[in-house]
Amino acid sequence: MKKLIIASTSTLHGGDYMEYLFPVLNKHFENCSTILFIPYARPGGITHDEYTEKVALAFSKINKKVIGIHQFDNPIEAILNAEALFTGGGNTFLLVTQLYHNQVIEALKQAIDKGTPYLGSSAGSNITGLSMQTTNDMPIIYPPSFNTLGAIPFNLNPHYLDPEPQSTHMGETRETRIKEFHAFNSTPVLGLREGSWLEVQGNDIVLKGALTARLFLQNKIPQEIESDTNLNFLE
C-alpha cells in the first residue's frame, strides 16, 4: 500500500526546516529509524553533502537518521532496501535529470508501490505526479524525459500563488501558466499552497493543512478544494 506525504514546501515563513510537518512525519516514519535522502535537486546549487547534512540535522529532532543516496555505490539497491525515502526540493529539471542519469526512476516506483514511506517537498513532490511539466523551476538542464513517478494520477504545482490585486508584476500568473499547459495536455493539475500537503494511503489522496488547494481541469473553470478532501476521484 502506498504511503506518501507530498508537501508544497519544506519550510514555512519563520519556521525551521520541516518543522511544521514534524507531527505528521513522526507518524509517517514511525516504523523506521533511517531515511534515505535524495539530494539531487540541490537548491541554490549546494552540494549533495551540504544538503544531506541540513536534512540530517532537521530530522535528528525527531530521532531519525538520514543517509544521502550519493553515499552508496549502487543507488538502485539503496532505494529498494531503504526503510523510508525523502526527496528534497530544489530544481526539478536537475532532480529529474539525475534520477534518469542514475537509473533510479523504476526503483523509486517499485519502492513506493510496495509501501516504503515516501516524503517529498517542492521538487520532490513534483516528481510524484505524472510529469514534471507544471513545475515553476528554470530549465537549467535538459532531462531525458518529463515523465516522472506517477504515484498520483495528476500533476502538482507546489508553492501555488494567487494573483495579488495590488501587485505591479506584469508577468504570467501561476493560473495563466497552468492554462497554457492545458492548451496541450489533459492531465489535471493541483495547485498546492504553502503549508499544504497530500497524505496518500493506498488509493486515498487526501488534502491536508489549513488552506484550500486549486484544482485545474482542462477546459473547465478552476475550483477550490477543501482540506480533508479525498482526491481519488481524479483516478
Protein backbone atom coordinates (compact mmCIF):
# COMPACT_ATOMS: atom_id res chain seq x y z
CA MET A 1 0.00 0.00 0.00
CA LYS A 2 1.38 3.39 -0.99
CA LYS A 3 2.34 5.72 1.88
CA LEU A 4 3.32 9.23 0.82
CA ILE A 5 3.48 12.71 2.28
CA ILE A 6 3.63 15.20 -0.60
CA ALA A 7 4.33 18.71 0.70
CA SER A 8 4.26 22.02 -1.14
CA THR A 9 7.23 23.34 0.81
CA SER A 10 9.88 22.29 3.32
CA THR A 11 9.78 25.49 5.38
CA LEU A 12 7.06 27.89 6.43
CA HIS A 13 7.88 31.56 6.97
CA GLY A 14 9.56 31.99 10.34
CA GLY A 15 9.92 28.25 10.97
CA ASP A 16 12.78 25.78 10.82
CA TYR A 17 13.29 23.21 8.09
CA MET A 18 10.36 20.70 8.01
CA GLU A 19 9.31 21.85 11.49
CA TYR A 20 5.64 22.37 10.63
CA LEU A 21 5.37 18.75 9.42
CA PHE A 22 7.13 17.02 12.32
CA PRO A 23 3.90 15.82 13.99
CA VAL A 24 2.81 14.26 10.70
CA LEU A 25 6.26 12.84 9.95
CA ASN A 26 6.56 11.24 13.37
CA LYS A 27 3.62 9.05 12.46
CA HIS A 28 4.60 8.63 8.81
CA PHE A 29 8.08 7.35 9.72
CA GLU A 30 7.14 5.65 12.99
CA ASN A 31 8.37 2.21 11.88
CA CYS A 32 11.76 3.29 10.56
CA SER A 33 14.96 4.60 12.10
CA THR A 34 16.84 5.63 8.94
CA ILE A 35 15.68 7.71 5.98
CA LEU A 36 17.36 7.57 2.58
CA PHE A 37 17.62 11.14 1.31
CA ILE A 38 17.78 12.08 -2.38
CA PRO A 39 19.56 15.47 -2.61
CA TYR A 40 19.72 15.65 -6.41
CA ALA A 41 17.66 18.88 -6.70
CA ARG A 42 20.42 20.91 -4.95
CA PRO A 43 18.61 24.17 -4.03
CA GLY A 44 20.82 27.18 -4.66
CA GLY A 45 23.47 24.86 -6.10
CA ILE A 46 24.53 23.43 -2.73
CA THR A 47 26.41 20.15 -2.76
CA HIS A 48 24.86 16.77 -2.06
CA ASP A 49 26.81 16.60 1.21
CA GLU A 50 25.70 20.07 2.34
CA TYR A 51 22.08 19.31 1.56
CA THR A 52 22.18 15.96 3.33
CA GLU A 53 23.77 17.49 6.41
CA LYS A 54 20.99 20.10 6.57
CA VAL A 55 18.31 17.42 6.37
CA ALA A 56 20.07 15.16 8.86
CA LEU A 57 20.21 17.99 11.40
CA ALA A 58 16.49 18.65 10.99
CA PHE A 59 15.44 15.02 11.28
CA SER A 60 17.63 14.44 14.32
CA LYS A 61 14.95 16.45 16.15
CA ILE A 62 12.55 13.55 15.64
CA ASN A 63 15.25 10.92 16.24
CA LYS A 64 15.68 9.83 12.63
CA LYS A 65 19.00 9.13 10.95
CA VAL A 66 19.47 10.43 7.39
CA ILE A 67 21.83 8.98 4.78
CA GLY A 68 22.30 10.51 1.32
CA ILE A 69 21.80 8.30 -1.71
CA HIS A 70 25.04 9.67 -3.19
CA GLN A 71 26.93 7.85 -0.43
CA PHE A 72 26.04 4.46 -1.94
CA ASP A 73 27.85 2.75 -4.79
CA ASN A 74 24.57 1.26 -6.02
CA PRO A 75 21.72 3.80 -5.74
CA ILE A 76 19.15 1.33 -7.11
CA GLU A 77 19.83 -1.17 -4.32
CA ALA A 78 19.87 1.68 -1.80
CA ILE A 79 16.34 2.67 -2.78
CA LEU A 80 14.98 -0.87 -2.89
CA ASN A 81 16.44 -1.63 0.55
CA ALA A 82 15.52 1.68 2.18
CA GLU A 83 13.30 1.85 5.25
CA ALA A 84 12.00 5.24 4.13
CA LEU A 85 12.62 7.81 1.39
CA PHE A 86 12.77 11.59 1.21
CA THR A 87 13.34 13.62 -1.94
CA GLY A 88 14.07 17.25 -1.16
CA GLY A 89 13.23 20.42 -3.03
CA GLY A 90 15.34 22.49 -5.38
CA ASN A 91 15.36 22.47 -9.17
CA THR A 92 13.03 19.87 -10.69
CA PHE A 93 14.87 19.81 -14.03
CA LEU A 94 18.09 18.89 -12.26
CA LEU A 95 16.35 16.38 -10.00
CA VAL A 96 14.68 14.53 -12.86
CA THR A 97 17.87 14.57 -14.93
CA GLN A 98 19.78 12.95 -12.07
CA LEU A 99 17.04 10.38 -11.42
CA TYR A 100 17.30 9.26 -15.05
CA HIS A 101 21.10 9.51 -15.15
CA ASN A 102 21.37 7.25 -12.10
CA GLN A 103 18.65 4.93 -13.45
CA VAL A 104 16.60 5.04 -10.27
CA ILE A 105 13.16 6.07 -11.61
CA GLU A 106 11.89 2.48 -11.77
CA ALA A 107 13.41 1.63 -8.38
CA LEU A 108 11.57 4.58 -6.83
CA LYS A 109 8.30 3.45 -8.40
CA GLN A 110 8.82 -0.07 -7.06
CA ALA A 111 9.66 1.13 -3.57
CA ILE A 112 6.61 3.39 -3.42
CA ASP A 113 4.32 0.68 -4.79
CA LYS A 114 5.48 -1.82 -2.17
CA GLY A 115 4.71 0.66 0.63
CA THR A 116 8.07 2.23 1.51
CA PRO A 117 7.14 5.53 3.25
CA TYR A 118 7.96 8.41 0.92
CA LEU A 119 8.24 12.11 1.68
CA GLY A 120 8.56 14.77 -0.99
CA SER A 121 8.79 18.53 -0.71
CA SER A 122 8.63 21.00 -3.60
CA ALA A 123 10.64 19.37 -6.43
CA GLY A 124 10.46 16.09 -4.55
CA SER A 125 6.68 16.47 -4.66
CA ASN A 126 6.62 17.45 -8.34
CA ILE A 127 8.04 14.07 -9.28
CA THR A 128 5.18 12.16 -7.64
CA GLY A 129 2.86 13.36 -10.42
CA LEU A 130 2.54 12.06 -13.96
CA SER A 131 5.06 14.56 -15.29
CA MET A 132 7.23 17.48 -14.18
CA GLN A 133 5.69 19.84 -16.75
CA THR A 134 3.91 22.04 -14.20
CA THR A 135 6.99 22.91 -12.15
CA ASN A 136 7.87 26.56 -11.52
CA ASP A 137 11.60 25.95 -11.98
CA MET A 138 14.02 27.24 -14.60
CA PRO A 139 15.15 24.66 -17.19
CA ILE A 140 18.81 24.75 -16.18
CA ILE A 141 19.48 21.30 -17.63
CA TYR A 142 17.69 19.10 -20.14
CA PRO A 143 16.23 15.88 -18.66
CA PRO A 144 15.88 12.75 -20.80
CA SER A 145 12.13 12.82 -20.21
CA PHE A 146 9.47 14.94 -18.48
CA ASN A 147 7.74 11.75 -17.27
CA THR A 148 8.01 11.16 -13.54
CA LEU A 149 6.81 8.65 -10.94
CA GLY A 150 3.05 8.66 -11.48
CA ALA A 151 2.47 7.86 -7.81
CA ILE A 152 -0.60 10.11 -8.03
CA PRO A 153 -2.81 10.37 -11.14
CA PHE A 154 -2.35 14.10 -11.73
CA ASN A 155 0.28 16.83 -11.72
CA LEU A 156 1.21 19.29 -9.00
CA ASN A 157 2.14 22.94 -8.87
CA PRO A 158 3.82 23.35 -5.47
CA HIS A 159 4.17 26.84 -3.95
CA TYR A 160 0.98 27.82 -5.76
CA LEU A 161 0.39 31.58 -5.57
CA ASP A 162 -2.82 33.50 -6.12
CA PRO A 163 -2.68 36.78 -8.07
CA GLU A 164 -2.02 39.84 -5.89
CA PRO A 165 -4.51 42.59 -6.81
CA GLN A 166 -2.09 45.35 -5.75
CA SER A 167 0.98 43.83 -7.39
CA THR A 168 2.75 45.69 -10.21
CA HIS A 169 4.16 42.42 -11.56
CA MET A 170 3.27 42.12 -15.25
CA GLY A 171 4.35 38.53 -15.85
CA GLU A 172 2.16 35.45 -16.08
CA THR A 173 0.31 34.22 -13.01
CA ARG A 174 0.50 30.58 -11.98
CA GLU A 175 -3.06 30.16 -13.21
CA THR A 176 -2.09 31.51 -16.63
CA ARG A 177 0.84 29.12 -16.89
CA ILE A 178 -1.31 26.14 -15.97
CA LYS A 179 -3.87 27.19 -18.59
CA GLU A 180 -1.01 27.22 -21.11
CA PHE A 181 -0.18 23.65 -20.06
CA HIS A 182 -3.81 22.65 -20.56
CA ALA A 183 -3.78 24.02 -24.10
CA PHE A 184 -1.73 20.94 -24.99
CA ASN A 185 -2.26 18.46 -22.12
CA SER A 186 -5.32 16.98 -20.41
CA THR A 187 -3.62 15.99 -17.13
CA PRO A 188 -5.32 17.54 -14.06
CA VAL A 189 -3.14 19.95 -12.05
CA LEU A 190 -3.44 20.67 -8.33
CA GLY A 191 -2.05 23.99 -7.09
CA LEU A 192 -0.69 23.32 -3.59
CA ARG A 193 -0.40 26.42 -1.43
CA GLU A 194 2.35 26.84 1.19
CA GLY A 195 1.68 24.78 4.30
CA SER A 196 -0.49 22.27 2.43
CA TRP A 197 0.32 18.65 1.74
CA LEU A 198 -1.21 15.44 0.44
CA GLU A 199 -1.41 12.27 2.50
CA VAL A 200 -1.51 9.19 0.31
CA GLN A 201 -2.60 5.87 1.81
CA GLY A 202 -3.20 3.25 -0.83
CA ASN A 203 -5.69 4.75 -3.29
CA ASP A 204 -6.69 7.60 -0.97
CA ILE A 205 -5.12 11.01 -1.70
CA VAL A 206 -6.25 13.47 0.96
CA LEU A 207 -5.51 17.20 1.05
CA LYS A 208 -4.17 18.32 4.43
CA GLY A 209 -3.34 21.66 6.02
CA ALA A 210 -5.34 24.78 6.82
CA LEU A 211 -5.71 26.05 3.24
CA THR A 212 -7.67 25.04 0.18
CA ALA A 213 -5.93 23.89 -2.98
CA ARG A 214 -6.80 24.97 -6.52
CA LEU A 215 -7.72 22.25 -8.98
CA PHE A 216 -7.33 22.82 -12.70
CA LEU A 217 -9.04 20.59 -15.25
CA GLN A 218 -8.71 21.08 -18.99
CA ASN A 219 -11.46 23.31 -20.44
CA LYS A 220 -13.11 23.80 -17.04
CA ILE A 221 -13.26 26.65 -14.52
CA PRO A 222 -10.68 26.11 -11.71
CA GLN A 223 -12.18 25.03 -8.40
CA GLU A 224 -11.14 25.32 -4.78
CA ILE A 225 -10.65 22.01 -2.96
CA GLU A 226 -11.26 22.00 0.78
CA SER A 227 -8.82 20.48 3.25
CA ASP A 228 -9.57 16.80 4.05
CA THR A 229 -10.97 16.24 0.55
CA ASN A 230 -10.09 12.88 -0.98
CA LEU A 231 -8.78 13.43 -4.50
CA ASN A 232 -9.09 9.79 -5.53
CA PHE A 233 -11.90 10.86 -7.90
CA LEU A 234 -9.10 12.01 -10.23
CA GLU A 235 -8.08 8.38 -10.84
